[in-house]
N, C-alpha and C. Protein backbone atom coordinates (compact mmCIF):
# COMPACT_ATOMS: atom_id res chain seq x y z
N MET A 1 13.15 -14.43 -55.36
CA MET A 1 13.42 -15.01 -54.51
C MET A 1 13.39 -14.00 -53.09
N LYS A 2 14.58 -12.80 -53.20
CA LYS A 2 14.57 -12.13 -51.87
C LYS A 2 13.02 -11.43 -51.70
N TYR A 3 12.19 -11.10 -52.86
CA TYR A 3 11.14 -10.75 -52.31
C TYR A 3 10.39 -11.76 -51.87
N ILE A 4 9.93 -13.04 -52.14
CA ILE A 4 9.09 -14.28 -51.61
C ILE A 4 9.97 -14.02 -49.87
N SER A 5 10.86 -13.61 -49.59
CA SER A 5 11.47 -14.35 -48.17
C SER A 5 11.16 -12.93 -47.59
N ILE A 6 11.45 -11.83 -47.80
CA ILE A 6 11.03 -10.69 -47.21
C ILE A 6 9.26 -10.52 -46.69
N LEU A 7 8.69 -11.22 -48.05
CA LEU A 7 7.22 -11.30 -47.29
C LEU A 7 7.01 -12.23 -46.81
N LYS A 8 7.74 -13.24 -46.62
CA LYS A 8 7.68 -14.72 -45.83
C LYS A 8 7.59 -13.74 -44.14
N ARG A 9 8.73 -13.49 -44.00
CA ARG A 9 9.51 -12.70 -42.85
C ARG A 9 8.34 -11.67 -42.28
N SER A 10 8.12 -10.59 -43.12
CA SER A 10 7.11 -9.83 -43.00
C SER A 10 6.02 -10.17 -41.96
N VAL A 11 5.02 -11.01 -43.16
CA VAL A 11 3.97 -12.18 -42.55
C VAL A 11 4.40 -12.53 -41.48
N PHE A 12 5.60 -13.17 -40.67
CA PHE A 12 5.97 -13.88 -39.55
C PHE A 12 5.96 -13.07 -38.77
N LEU A 13 6.56 -11.69 -38.85
CA LEU A 13 6.86 -10.82 -37.90
C LEU A 13 5.16 -9.96 -37.57
N SER A 14 4.50 -10.41 -38.17
CA SER A 14 2.84 -9.38 -38.25
C SER A 14 2.22 -10.71 -37.18
N VAL A 15 2.61 -11.65 -37.61
CA VAL A 15 1.07 -13.04 -36.65
C VAL A 15 1.99 -12.82 -35.18
N LEU A 16 2.78 -12.63 -35.21
CA LEU A 16 3.81 -12.33 -33.88
C LEU A 16 3.35 -11.16 -33.30
N VAL A 17 3.26 -10.07 -34.08
CA VAL A 17 2.88 -9.44 -33.20
C VAL A 17 1.28 -8.66 -33.15
N LEU A 18 0.44 -9.40 -33.53
CA LEU A 18 -0.87 -9.52 -33.53
C LEU A 18 -1.17 -10.36 -31.99
N ALA A 19 -0.55 -11.53 -32.41
CA ALA A 19 -0.22 -12.65 -31.07
C ALA A 19 0.08 -11.92 -29.79
N GLY A 20 1.22 -11.45 -30.01
CA GLY A 20 1.06 -10.05 -28.61
C GLY A 20 -0.28 -9.36 -28.07
N CYS A 21 0.01 -8.92 -29.44
CA CYS A 21 -1.40 -7.91 -28.57
C CYS A 21 -2.90 -8.59 -28.15
N MET A 22 -3.23 -9.98 -28.91
CA MET A 22 -4.17 -10.61 -28.69
C MET A 22 -4.12 -11.74 -27.45
N GLY A 23 -2.82 -11.52 -26.92
CA GLY A 23 -2.87 -12.06 -25.98
C GLY A 23 -2.29 -11.66 -24.22
N SER A 24 -1.95 -10.59 -24.87
CA SER A 24 -1.95 -9.27 -23.49
C SER A 24 -3.14 -9.87 -22.88
N SER A 25 -3.44 -9.31 -21.40
CA SER A 25 -4.70 -8.84 -20.93
C SER A 25 -3.85 -7.87 -19.73
N LYS A 26 -5.33 -6.96 -19.48
CA LYS A 26 -4.73 -5.63 -18.62
C LYS A 26 -5.33 -6.37 -17.39
N THR A 27 -4.47 -6.48 -15.91
CA THR A 27 -5.50 -6.50 -15.25
C THR A 27 -5.29 -4.80 -14.33
N ALA A 28 -6.07 -4.35 -13.71
CA ALA A 28 -6.04 -3.43 -12.57
C ALA A 28 -5.96 -3.84 -11.55
N ASN A 29 -5.24 -3.21 -10.15
CA ASN A 29 -5.11 -4.12 -9.13
C ASN A 29 -6.20 -3.03 -7.80
N VAL A 30 -6.79 -3.78 -7.31
CA VAL A 30 -7.48 -2.93 -6.30
C VAL A 30 -7.18 -2.84 -5.45
N HIS A 31 -7.05 -2.16 -4.44
CA HIS A 31 -7.23 -2.54 -2.76
C HIS A 31 -8.19 -1.83 -1.78
N ILE A 32 -9.03 -2.80 -1.43
CA ILE A 32 -10.15 -2.12 -0.68
C ILE A 32 -10.39 -2.21 0.80
N LEU A 33 -9.64 -1.39 1.46
CA LEU A 33 -9.11 -1.62 2.61
C LEU A 33 -10.33 -0.88 3.98
N PRO A 34 -10.16 -1.02 4.87
CA PRO A 34 -11.19 -0.57 5.94
C PRO A 34 -11.86 0.52 5.80
N THR A 35 -11.03 1.75 4.94
CA THR A 35 -11.22 3.41 5.32
C THR A 35 -10.79 3.32 4.28
N VAL A 36 -10.83 2.99 3.14
CA VAL A 36 -10.22 3.45 1.94
C VAL A 36 -9.52 3.00 0.54
N TYR A 37 -10.33 3.15 -0.46
CA TYR A 37 -9.86 2.60 -1.46
C TYR A 37 -8.59 3.18 -2.12
N ARG A 38 -7.84 1.73 -2.69
CA ARG A 38 -6.56 1.98 -4.08
C ARG A 38 -6.48 1.69 -5.00
N ILE A 39 -5.96 2.83 -6.14
CA ILE A 39 -5.70 1.53 -7.28
C ILE A 39 -4.31 2.79 -7.41
N ASN A 40 -3.97 2.35 -7.97
CA ASN A 40 -2.68 3.54 -9.13
C ASN A 40 -2.31 4.16 -7.22
N ASN A 41 -2.66 5.37 -8.63
CA ASN A 41 -2.20 6.77 -7.08
C ASN A 41 -2.88 7.08 -6.71
N VAL A 42 -4.54 6.67 -6.23
CA VAL A 42 -5.82 7.27 -6.57
C VAL A 42 -6.38 6.73 -5.41
N SER A 43 -6.40 7.15 -4.07
CA SER A 43 -6.61 6.65 -2.93
C SER A 43 -7.84 7.70 -2.00
N SER A 44 -9.19 6.80 -1.92
CA SER A 44 -10.49 7.97 -1.54
C SER A 44 -11.11 7.12 -0.66
N PRO A 45 -11.69 7.77 0.43
CA PRO A 45 -12.71 7.01 1.17
C PRO A 45 -14.10 6.54 0.49
N LEU A 46 -14.16 7.07 -0.08
CA LEU A 46 -15.19 6.88 -1.52
C LEU A 46 -15.11 6.20 -2.36
N ALA A 47 -15.65 5.17 -3.15
CA ALA A 47 -15.73 4.39 -4.13
C ALA A 47 -15.05 4.87 -5.45
N THR A 48 -15.89 5.36 -5.51
CA THR A 48 -16.58 6.51 -7.19
C THR A 48 -14.72 6.55 -7.42
N PRO A 49 -14.12 7.79 -6.58
CA PRO A 49 -12.49 8.10 -7.59
C PRO A 49 -12.32 6.71 -7.96
N ALA A 50 -12.14 5.88 -7.12
CA ALA A 50 -11.13 4.08 -7.57
C ALA A 50 -12.10 3.82 -8.45
N VAL A 51 -13.56 3.07 -8.72
CA VAL A 51 -14.16 3.32 -9.94
C VAL A 51 -13.40 4.07 -11.47
N ASP A 52 -14.10 4.82 -11.01
CA ASP A 52 -13.19 6.66 -11.87
C ASP A 52 -12.27 6.38 -12.62
N GLU A 53 -11.07 5.46 -11.77
CA GLU A 53 -9.92 4.75 -12.30
C GLU A 53 -9.55 4.05 -13.08
N VAL A 54 -10.43 3.01 -12.36
CA VAL A 54 -11.11 1.77 -12.99
C VAL A 54 -11.28 1.57 -14.77
N VAL A 55 -12.40 2.36 -14.44
CA VAL A 55 -13.00 2.84 -15.88
C VAL A 55 -12.42 3.12 -16.86
N ARG A 56 -11.44 4.24 -16.62
CA ARG A 56 -10.20 4.73 -16.80
C ARG A 56 -9.19 3.91 -17.89
N LEU A 57 -8.43 3.06 -16.76
CA LEU A 57 -8.00 1.75 -16.98
C LEU A 57 -8.06 1.08 -18.16
N LYS A 58 -9.41 0.68 -18.52
CA LYS A 58 -10.05 -0.01 -19.58
C LYS A 58 -9.68 -1.85 -19.12
N PRO A 59 -9.64 -2.12 -17.91
CA PRO A 59 -8.68 -3.50 -18.23
C PRO A 59 -9.76 -4.36 -18.65
N ASP A 60 -8.98 -5.37 -18.94
CA ASP A 60 -9.47 -7.02 -19.19
C ASP A 60 -10.32 -7.64 -17.78
N LYS A 61 -8.95 -7.59 -16.23
CA LYS A 61 -9.27 -7.72 -15.38
C LYS A 61 -9.02 -6.92 -14.43
N VAL A 62 -10.34 -7.25 -13.36
CA VAL A 62 -10.18 -6.62 -12.18
C VAL A 62 -10.04 -7.37 -10.63
N HIS A 63 -8.63 -7.21 -10.05
CA HIS A 63 -8.49 -8.03 -9.28
C HIS A 63 -8.66 -7.48 -7.43
N ILE A 64 -9.20 -7.71 -7.01
CA ILE A 64 -9.37 -7.05 -5.77
C ILE A 64 -9.00 -7.27 -4.42
N SER A 65 -8.13 -6.63 -4.09
CA SER A 65 -7.64 -7.25 -2.25
C SER A 65 -8.36 -6.34 -1.63
N ALA A 66 -9.14 -7.38 -0.43
CA ALA A 66 -9.36 -6.32 0.81
C ALA A 66 -9.12 -7.88 2.10
N CYS A 67 -8.92 -6.45 3.21
CA CYS A 67 -8.46 -7.00 4.83
C CYS A 67 -9.93 -7.92 4.91
N ARG A 68 -9.46 -8.76 5.86
CA ARG A 68 -10.69 -9.18 6.41
C ARG A 68 -11.46 -8.77 6.99
N THR A 69 -11.31 -7.53 7.75
CA THR A 69 -11.54 -6.58 8.58
C THR A 69 -12.93 -5.04 7.82
N THR A 70 -12.13 -5.58 6.39
CA THR A 70 -12.99 -4.54 5.39
C THR A 70 -14.49 -4.76 5.43
N PRO A 71 -15.65 -3.64 5.49
CA PRO A 71 -16.77 -3.67 6.06
C PRO A 71 -17.32 -4.60 4.88
N ASN A 72 -18.25 -5.18 4.60
CA ASN A 72 -18.31 -5.87 3.49
C ASN A 72 -19.26 -5.21 2.16
N ALA A 73 -19.97 -3.80 2.83
CA ALA A 73 -20.73 -3.00 2.42
C ALA A 73 -19.83 -2.12 1.46
N LYS A 74 -18.27 -2.10 2.05
CA LYS A 74 -17.42 -1.15 1.10
C LYS A 74 -17.19 -1.91 0.08
N ILE A 75 -16.95 -3.49 -0.32
CA ILE A 75 -16.81 -4.37 -1.16
C ILE A 75 -17.53 -4.11 -2.12
N ILE A 76 -18.89 -4.65 -1.74
CA ILE A 76 -19.94 -4.51 -3.16
C ILE A 76 -20.04 -2.73 -3.04
N GLN A 77 -20.07 -1.92 -2.44
CA GLN A 77 -20.65 -0.62 -3.56
C GLN A 77 -19.05 -0.47 -4.31
N PHE A 78 -18.47 -1.21 -4.15
CA PHE A 78 -17.03 -1.12 -5.37
C PHE A 78 -17.75 -1.87 -6.16
N ASN A 79 -17.88 -2.53 -5.86
CA ASN A 79 -18.52 -3.88 -7.21
C ASN A 79 -19.45 -3.82 -8.01
N VAL A 80 -20.62 -3.19 -7.32
CA VAL A 80 -21.81 -2.46 -8.11
C VAL A 80 -21.52 -1.27 -8.72
N GLU A 81 -20.87 -0.14 -8.41
CA GLU A 81 -20.81 1.05 -8.91
C GLU A 81 -20.06 0.41 -10.25
N LEU A 82 -18.98 -0.50 -9.58
CA LEU A 82 -18.24 -0.48 -11.46
C LEU A 82 -18.67 -1.81 -12.34
N GLN A 83 -19.38 -2.78 -11.79
CA GLN A 83 -20.54 -3.75 -12.65
C GLN A 83 -21.21 -2.42 -13.96
N ALA A 84 -22.10 -1.58 -12.80
CA ALA A 84 -22.68 -0.39 -13.76
C ALA A 84 -22.02 0.16 -14.91
N ARG A 85 -20.31 0.49 -14.63
CA ARG A 85 -19.84 1.55 -15.36
C ARG A 85 -19.24 0.28 -16.37
N LEU A 86 -19.04 -0.88 -16.28
CA LEU A 86 -17.75 -1.80 -16.96
C LEU A 86 -17.45 -3.33 -16.74
N LYS A 87 -17.98 -3.65 -18.23
CA LYS A 87 -18.05 -5.16 -18.08
C LYS A 87 -16.78 -5.80 -18.13
N THR A 88 -16.32 -6.38 -17.02
CA THR A 88 -15.14 -6.70 -17.11
C THR A 88 -15.03 -7.94 -15.77
N GLU A 89 -14.45 -8.74 -16.12
CA GLU A 89 -13.93 -9.85 -15.28
C GLU A 89 -13.55 -9.74 -13.77
N ILE A 90 -13.50 -9.86 -12.43
CA ILE A 90 -13.75 -9.63 -11.44
C ILE A 90 -13.37 -10.95 -10.55
N THR A 91 -12.03 -10.85 -10.01
CA THR A 91 -11.12 -11.44 -9.30
C THR A 91 -10.80 -10.87 -7.86
N GLY A 92 -10.66 -11.82 -6.93
CA GLY A 92 -10.79 -11.16 -5.47
C GLY A 92 -10.06 -11.83 -4.56
N GLY A 93 -9.42 -11.32 -3.74
CA GLY A 93 -8.79 -11.92 -2.29
C GLY A 93 -8.34 -11.54 -1.02
N PHE A 94 -7.96 -11.91 -0.25
CA PHE A 94 -7.59 -11.67 1.29
C PHE A 94 -6.13 -11.41 1.34
N PHE A 95 -5.61 -10.18 1.84
CA PHE A 95 -5.01 -10.07 1.99
C PHE A 95 -4.19 -11.10 3.18
N GLU A 96 -2.89 -11.78 3.51
CA GLU A 96 -2.65 -11.99 4.72
C GLU A 96 -2.64 -11.33 6.10
N ASN A 97 -1.82 -10.27 6.01
CA ASN A 97 -1.24 -9.19 6.80
C ASN A 97 -2.00 -7.68 6.37
N CYS A 98 -3.23 -7.31 6.86
CA CYS A 98 -3.62 -5.77 6.27
C CYS A 98 -2.48 -4.77 6.68
N PRO A 99 -2.37 -4.02 5.10
CA PRO A 99 -1.25 -3.24 5.02
C PRO A 99 -1.71 -2.01 5.82
N GLU A 100 -3.49 -1.64 6.11
CA GLU A 100 -3.77 -0.48 7.36
C GLU A 100 -3.33 -0.87 8.96
N ILE A 101 -3.46 -1.66 8.60
CA ILE A 101 -3.12 -2.00 10.44
C ILE A 101 -2.32 -2.31 11.00
């Protein structure tokens, strides 16, 4: 009887662990400002180092936050480089107050 109880408990804990692993998703937050790309501790005027960091993280989603004054070309450059190297969901939005200004 104890064996069945231990087996049930093991199965229950395994299901919880698997559900936690499958349900969690990583999101990388990228800030694209008028003069710089930022993610974690990477800050660069070029898109490539920021894309390298996102690819290294292998997130399920990438959220891009940009300033309304950020040139569209900067955002497009990041998106094109990222899509060429990593197929992931991308979301985006604008800062209410640009942190660079």
